[in-house]
Amino acid sequence: MASVRGDTIKSGIWESTAGVFTAVMQDQVEFCHVLEGAATIRTGDGNSCHVAAGDAFVMESGLQTEWTVEDHIKKHFVICAV
């Protein structure tokens, strides 16, 4: 993971095998580009979406997520503090 201007901007690769993971976007915005695999992301308001290789999206500050990875996922991310 690379950092620019202290901890203001971070970029890197996140990779995981099967499992369920939670994350809260607290005081940060994250751009994600899925490189391999897939996941279903459920948000705190009950919505869900399936993301797969080639998809790109932004997670806004305050978003609560639960990621379900069936097999594996690999994503490039850029996180900006807000």
N, C-alpha and C. Protein backbone atom coordinates (compact mmCIF):
# COMPACT_ATOMS: atom_id res chain seq x y z
N MET A 1 0.85 -1.17 0.00
CA MET A 1 0.00 0.00 0.00
C MET A 1 0.90 1.23 0.00
N ALA A 2 0.58 2.16 -0.86
CA ALA A 2 1.35 3.41 -0.95
C ALA A 2 0.57 4.53 -0.27
N SER A 3 1.26 5.43 0.36
CA SER A 3 0.63 6.60 0.98
C SER A 3 1.17 7.86 0.33
N VAL A 4 0.29 8.81 0.12
CA VAL A 4 0.66 10.10 -0.43
C VAL A 4 0.17 11.16 0.54
N ARG A 5 0.97 12.16 0.81
CA ARG A 5 0.62 13.24 1.75
C ARG A 5 0.19 12.66 3.11
N GLY A 6 1.07 11.89 3.70
CA GLY A 6 0.75 11.29 5.00
C GLY A 6 -0.29 10.21 4.82
N ASP A 7 -1.38 10.31 5.56
CA ASP A 7 -2.45 9.32 5.46
C ASP A 7 -3.66 9.87 4.72
N THR A 8 -3.50 10.93 3.92
CA THR A 8 -4.61 11.54 3.22
C THR A 8 -5.10 10.67 2.06
N ILE A 9 -4.18 10.08 1.30
CA ILE A 9 -4.52 9.22 0.17
C ILE A 9 -3.74 7.92 0.29
N LYS A 10 -4.43 6.79 0.14
CA LYS A 10 -3.78 5.48 0.15
C LYS A 10 -4.25 4.71 -1.07
N SER A 11 -3.35 3.92 -1.64
CA SER A 11 -3.68 3.12 -2.81
C SER A 11 -3.00 1.78 -2.68
N GLY A 12 -3.63 0.74 -3.19
CA GLY A 12 -3.01 -0.57 -3.13
C GLY A 12 -3.90 -1.65 -3.70
N ILE A 13 -3.52 -2.89 -3.43
CA ILE A 13 -4.27 -4.07 -3.86
C ILE A 13 -4.75 -4.79 -2.62
N TRP A 14 -6.03 -5.16 -2.62
CA TRP A 14 -6.60 -5.99 -1.55
C TRP A 14 -7.07 -7.27 -2.19
N GLU A 15 -6.71 -8.39 -1.58
CA GLU A 15 -7.05 -9.70 -2.12
C GLU A 15 -7.53 -10.57 -0.99
N SER A 16 -8.55 -11.40 -1.26
CA SER A 16 -9.10 -12.26 -0.21
C SER A 16 -9.65 -13.55 -0.81
N THR A 17 -9.61 -14.59 0.00
CA THR A 17 -10.29 -15.84 -0.33
C THR A 17 -11.70 -15.77 0.25
N ALA A 18 -12.43 -16.86 0.16
CA ALA A 18 -13.83 -16.91 0.60
C ALA A 18 -13.98 -16.47 2.05
N GLY A 19 -15.10 -15.76 2.31
CA GLY A 19 -15.40 -15.32 3.67
C GLY A 19 -16.37 -14.17 3.66
N VAL A 20 -16.70 -13.71 4.86
CA VAL A 20 -17.59 -12.55 5.04
C VAL A 20 -16.81 -11.52 5.83
N PHE A 21 -16.80 -10.27 5.31
CA PHE A 21 -16.02 -9.21 5.90
C PHE A 21 -16.87 -7.95 6.04
N THR A 22 -16.69 -7.22 7.13
CA THR A 22 -17.42 -5.96 7.31
C THR A 22 -16.44 -4.80 7.26
N ALA A 23 -16.96 -3.66 6.79
CA ALA A 23 -16.14 -2.46 6.73
C ALA A 23 -17.05 -1.24 6.86
N VAL A 24 -16.58 -0.23 7.55
CA VAL A 24 -17.29 1.04 7.67
C VAL A 24 -16.39 2.12 7.08
N MET A 25 -16.93 2.88 6.16
CA MET A 25 -16.18 3.96 5.52
C MET A 25 -16.25 5.18 6.43
N GLN A 26 -15.43 5.19 7.46
CA GLN A 26 -15.45 6.26 8.45
C GLN A 26 -14.46 7.35 8.06
N ASP A 27 -14.97 8.53 7.74
CA ASP A 27 -14.14 9.69 7.36
C ASP A 27 -13.24 9.40 6.18
N GLN A 28 -13.73 8.58 5.23
CA GLN A 28 -12.97 8.28 4.03
C GLN A 28 -13.90 7.90 2.89
N VAL A 29 -13.41 8.09 1.67
CA VAL A 29 -14.09 7.69 0.44
C VAL A 29 -13.16 6.73 -0.26
N GLU A 30 -13.72 5.63 -0.80
CA GLU A 30 -12.87 4.63 -1.46
C GLU A 30 -13.35 4.36 -2.87
N PHE A 31 -12.43 4.45 -3.83
CA PHE A 31 -12.67 4.01 -5.20
C PHE A 31 -12.15 2.59 -5.30
N CYS A 32 -12.94 1.68 -5.88
CA CYS A 32 -12.54 0.29 -6.04
C CYS A 32 -12.65 -0.12 -7.51
N HIS A 33 -11.69 -0.90 -7.97
CA HIS A 33 -11.75 -1.52 -9.29
C HIS A 33 -11.45 -3.00 -9.09
N VAL A 34 -12.45 -3.86 -9.35
CA VAL A 34 -12.30 -5.29 -9.15
C VAL A 34 -11.48 -5.87 -10.30
N LEU A 35 -10.36 -6.49 -9.96
CA LEU A 35 -9.45 -7.04 -10.95
C LEU A 35 -9.73 -8.51 -11.25
N GLU A 36 -10.09 -9.27 -10.21
CA GLU A 36 -10.36 -10.70 -10.35
C GLU A 36 -11.45 -11.09 -9.37
N GLY A 37 -12.18 -12.15 -9.70
CA GLY A 37 -13.17 -12.70 -8.78
C GLY A 37 -14.42 -11.86 -8.67
N ALA A 38 -15.14 -12.07 -7.55
CA ALA A 38 -16.43 -11.42 -7.36
C ALA A 38 -16.80 -11.41 -5.89
N ALA A 39 -17.81 -10.58 -5.56
CA ALA A 39 -18.34 -10.51 -4.20
C ALA A 39 -19.75 -9.92 -4.25
N THR A 40 -20.51 -10.18 -3.21
CA THR A 40 -21.79 -9.50 -3.01
C THR A 40 -21.58 -8.55 -1.84
N ILE A 41 -21.96 -7.29 -2.05
CA ILE A 41 -21.80 -6.27 -1.01
C ILE A 41 -23.18 -5.87 -0.53
N ARG A 42 -23.42 -6.04 0.77
CA ARG A 42 -24.67 -5.60 1.39
C ARG A 42 -24.37 -4.35 2.21
N THR A 43 -25.20 -3.32 2.06
CA THR A 43 -24.99 -2.07 2.79
C THR A 43 -25.87 -2.01 4.02
N GLY A 44 -25.56 -1.10 4.92
CA GLY A 44 -26.28 -0.97 6.17
C GLY A 44 -27.76 -0.68 6.00
N ASP A 45 -28.17 -0.14 4.84
CA ASP A 45 -29.58 0.16 4.61
C ASP A 45 -30.32 -1.02 3.98
N GLY A 46 -29.64 -2.20 3.85
CA GLY A 46 -30.29 -3.40 3.35
C GLY A 46 -30.15 -3.63 1.86
N ASN A 47 -29.58 -2.70 1.12
CA ASN A 47 -29.37 -2.90 -0.31
C ASN A 47 -28.17 -3.81 -0.54
N SER A 48 -28.16 -4.50 -1.67
CA SER A 48 -26.99 -5.32 -2.00
C SER A 48 -26.73 -5.24 -3.49
N CYS A 49 -25.47 -5.50 -3.85
CA CYS A 49 -25.10 -5.54 -5.26
C CYS A 49 -23.98 -6.56 -5.43
N HIS A 50 -23.93 -7.13 -6.61
CA HIS A 50 -22.89 -8.09 -6.96
C HIS A 50 -21.84 -7.36 -7.78
N VAL A 51 -20.57 -7.49 -7.41
CA VAL A 51 -19.48 -6.88 -8.17
C VAL A 51 -18.56 -7.99 -8.66
N ALA A 52 -18.00 -7.78 -9.85
CA ALA A 52 -17.13 -8.80 -10.44
C ALA A 52 -16.02 -8.10 -11.23
N ALA A 53 -15.06 -8.90 -11.69
CA ALA A 53 -13.92 -8.39 -12.43
C ALA A 53 -14.37 -7.41 -13.51
N GLY A 54 -13.73 -6.24 -13.53
CA GLY A 54 -14.05 -5.19 -14.48
C GLY A 54 -14.92 -4.09 -13.91
N ASP A 55 -15.62 -4.37 -12.80
CA ASP A 55 -16.49 -3.36 -12.18
C ASP A 55 -15.66 -2.35 -11.40
N ALA A 56 -16.13 -1.10 -11.41
CA ALA A 56 -15.51 -0.03 -10.64
C ALA A 56 -16.63 0.74 -9.95
N PHE A 57 -16.37 1.19 -8.72
CA PHE A 57 -17.39 1.89 -7.94
C PHE A 57 -16.74 2.70 -6.84
N VAL A 58 -17.54 3.59 -6.23
CA VAL A 58 -17.08 4.44 -5.13
C VAL A 58 -17.93 4.15 -3.91
N MET A 59 -17.29 4.02 -2.75
CA MET A 59 -17.98 3.88 -1.48
C MET A 59 -17.81 5.18 -0.71
N GLU A 60 -18.92 5.82 -0.43
CA GLU A 60 -18.92 7.14 0.23
C GLU A 60 -18.66 7.03 1.73
N SER A 61 -18.22 8.12 2.32
CA SER A 61 -18.00 8.19 3.77
C SER A 61 -19.29 7.89 4.51
N GLY A 62 -19.20 7.08 5.55
CA GLY A 62 -20.36 6.70 6.35
C GLY A 62 -21.00 5.39 5.93
N LEU A 63 -20.65 4.88 4.76
CA LEU A 63 -21.25 3.64 4.26
C LEU A 63 -20.79 2.46 5.10
N GLN A 64 -21.75 1.62 5.50
CA GLN A 64 -21.46 0.38 6.24
C GLN A 64 -21.66 -0.77 5.26
N THR A 65 -20.66 -1.65 5.15
CA THR A 65 -20.74 -2.75 4.20
C THR A 65 -20.43 -4.10 4.82
N GLU A 66 -21.03 -5.13 4.21
CA GLU A 66 -20.69 -6.51 4.51
C GLU A 66 -20.39 -7.19 3.17
N TRP A 67 -19.17 -7.62 2.99
CA TRP A 67 -18.74 -8.26 1.76
C TRP A 67 -18.80 -9.78 1.92
N THR A 68 -19.48 -10.45 1.00
CA THR A 68 -19.50 -11.91 0.97
C THR A 68 -18.74 -12.36 -0.27
N VAL A 69 -17.62 -13.02 -0.04
CA VAL A 69 -16.77 -13.51 -1.12
C VAL A 69 -16.95 -15.02 -1.18
N GLU A 70 -17.47 -15.51 -2.30
CA GLU A 70 -17.72 -16.95 -2.44
C GLU A 70 -16.44 -17.74 -2.71
N ASP A 71 -15.54 -17.21 -3.53
CA ASP A 71 -14.33 -17.92 -3.90
C ASP A 71 -13.10 -17.05 -3.63
N HIS A 72 -12.94 -15.99 -4.41
CA HIS A 72 -11.83 -15.05 -4.18
C HIS A 72 -12.18 -13.71 -4.83
N ILE A 73 -11.46 -12.68 -4.42
CA ILE A 73 -11.59 -11.36 -5.03
C ILE A 73 -10.25 -10.65 -4.92
N LYS A 74 -9.98 -9.83 -5.92
CA LYS A 74 -8.77 -9.00 -5.92
C LYS A 74 -9.19 -7.64 -6.46
N LYS A 75 -8.91 -6.59 -5.70
CA LYS A 75 -9.31 -5.25 -6.15
C LYS A 75 -8.17 -4.27 -5.96
N HIS A 76 -8.16 -3.26 -6.81
CA HIS A 76 -7.29 -2.10 -6.64
C HIS A 76 -8.15 -1.05 -5.94
N PHE A 77 -7.58 -0.37 -4.96
CA PHE A 77 -8.35 0.64 -4.24
C PHE A 77 -7.56 1.94 -4.11
N VAL A 78 -8.30 3.02 -4.03
CA VAL A 78 -7.74 4.34 -3.70
C VAL A 78 -8.64 4.91 -2.62
N ILE A 79 -8.08 5.20 -1.45
CA ILE A 79 -8.84 5.73 -0.31
C ILE A 79 -8.38 7.15 -0.05
N CYS A 80 -9.35 8.06 0.05
CA CYS A 80 -9.08 9.46 0.37
C CYS A 80 -9.76 9.83 1.67
N ALA A 81 -9.01 10.40 2.59
CA ALA A 81 -9.58 10.89 3.85
C ALA A 81 -10.44 12.12 3.56
N VAL A 82 -11.55 12.23 4.28
CA VAL A 82 -12.43 13.40 4.12
C VAL A 82 -12.64 14.10 5.42
